[in-house]
């Protein structure tokens, strides 16, 4: 179990890095947006970004508000 936690910790940090590099939190500061809109704004493959955002939502960094839409949480809200 410890090995799984160590591995998942690594990929979560990688997802945090990607979201920070793309400025996802800044794009969400005015409210929930669809993954497709975020992908278009960042010039990133939509399905890949969706996977990253779902991973981050699973640990409370973002929240999935409706189908393929994400928003900030208290953890990421300025």
Protein backbone atom coordinates (compact mmCIF):
# COMPACT_ATOMS: atom_id res chain seq x y z
CA UNK A 1 0.00 0.00 0.00
CA UNK A 2 2.82 2.40 0.80
CA UNK A 3 4.27 1.92 -2.68
CA UNK A 4 0.92 2.83 -4.22
CA UNK A 5 0.71 6.00 -2.09
CA UNK A 6 4.23 6.98 -3.07
CA UNK A 7 3.44 6.45 -6.74
CA UNK A 8 0.18 8.37 -6.62
CA UNK A 9 1.91 11.21 -4.80
CA UNK A 10 4.33 11.52 -7.69
CA UNK A 11 1.67 11.71 -10.38
CA UNK A 12 -0.40 14.19 -8.37
CA UNK A 13 2.64 16.48 -8.17
CA UNK A 14 3.10 16.11 -11.90
CA UNK A 15 -0.55 17.09 -12.45
CA UNK A 16 -0.13 20.09 -10.13
CA UNK A 17 2.90 21.15 -12.15
CA UNK A 18 0.97 20.89 -15.43
CA UNK A 19 -2.00 22.85 -14.07
CA UNK A 20 0.29 25.55 -12.67
CA UNK A 21 2.32 25.80 -15.87
CA UNK A 22 -0.88 26.18 -17.92
CA UNK A 23 -2.38 28.73 -15.51
CA UNK A 24 -5.57 26.72 -14.99
CA UNK A 25 -6.40 28.38 -11.65
CA UNK A 26 -6.14 31.82 -13.27
CA UNK A 27 -8.50 30.71 -16.03
CA UNK A 28 -11.01 29.52 -13.42
CA UNK A 29 -10.91 32.65 -11.23
CA UNK A 30 -14.20 33.90 -12.72
CA UNK A 31 -16.02 30.61 -12.24
CA UNK A 32 -16.50 27.14 -13.61
CA UNK A 33 -15.42 26.39 -17.18
CA UNK A 34 -15.65 23.39 -19.43
CA UNK A 35 -12.58 21.32 -20.04
CA UNK A 36 -12.93 22.04 -23.75
CA UNK A 37 -12.81 25.81 -23.12
CA UNK A 38 -9.76 25.40 -20.88
CA UNK A 39 -8.07 23.21 -23.47
CA UNK A 40 -8.72 25.76 -26.19
CA UNK A 41 -7.43 28.62 -24.01
CA UNK A 42 -4.22 26.71 -23.26
CA UNK A 43 -3.81 25.03 -26.65
CA UNK A 44 -3.79 21.58 -24.99
CA UNK A 45 -5.43 18.28 -26.01
CA UNK A 46 -8.85 18.29 -24.32
CA UNK A 47 -8.97 14.62 -23.27
CA UNK A 48 -5.48 14.78 -21.75
CA UNK A 49 -6.35 17.94 -19.82
CA UNK A 50 -9.58 16.33 -18.63
CA UNK A 51 -7.60 13.45 -17.15
CA UNK A 52 -5.27 15.85 -15.34
CA UNK A 53 -8.18 17.88 -13.97
CA UNK A 54 -10.03 14.75 -12.82
CA UNK A 55 -6.90 13.60 -10.99
CA UNK A 56 -6.61 16.97 -9.28
CA UNK A 57 -10.33 16.96 -8.44
CA UNK A 58 -9.86 13.57 -6.77
CA UNK A 59 -7.55 15.20 -4.20
CA UNK A 60 -9.56 18.41 -3.74
CA UNK A 61 -7.49 20.83 -5.80
CA UNK A 62 -10.30 21.44 -8.29
CA UNK A 63 -13.94 20.39 -8.21
CA UNK A 64 -15.93 18.88 -11.06
CA UNK A 65 -19.11 20.98 -11.22
CA UNK A 66 -20.96 19.22 -14.03
CA UNK A 67 -20.10 17.10 -17.02
CA UNK A 68 -16.54 18.01 -18.05
CA UNK A 69 -16.62 21.33 -16.15
CA UNK A 70 -14.27 22.32 -13.34
CA UNK A 71 -13.98 25.07 -10.76
CA UNK A 72 -11.66 26.18 -7.97
CA UNK A 73 -11.96 24.88 -4.42
CA UNK A 74 -11.15 26.67 -1.16
CA UNK A 75 -7.66 25.21 -1.55
CA UNK A 76 -7.05 26.96 -4.87
CA UNK A 77 -9.30 30.02 -4.63
CA UNK A 78 -7.33 33.27 -4.15
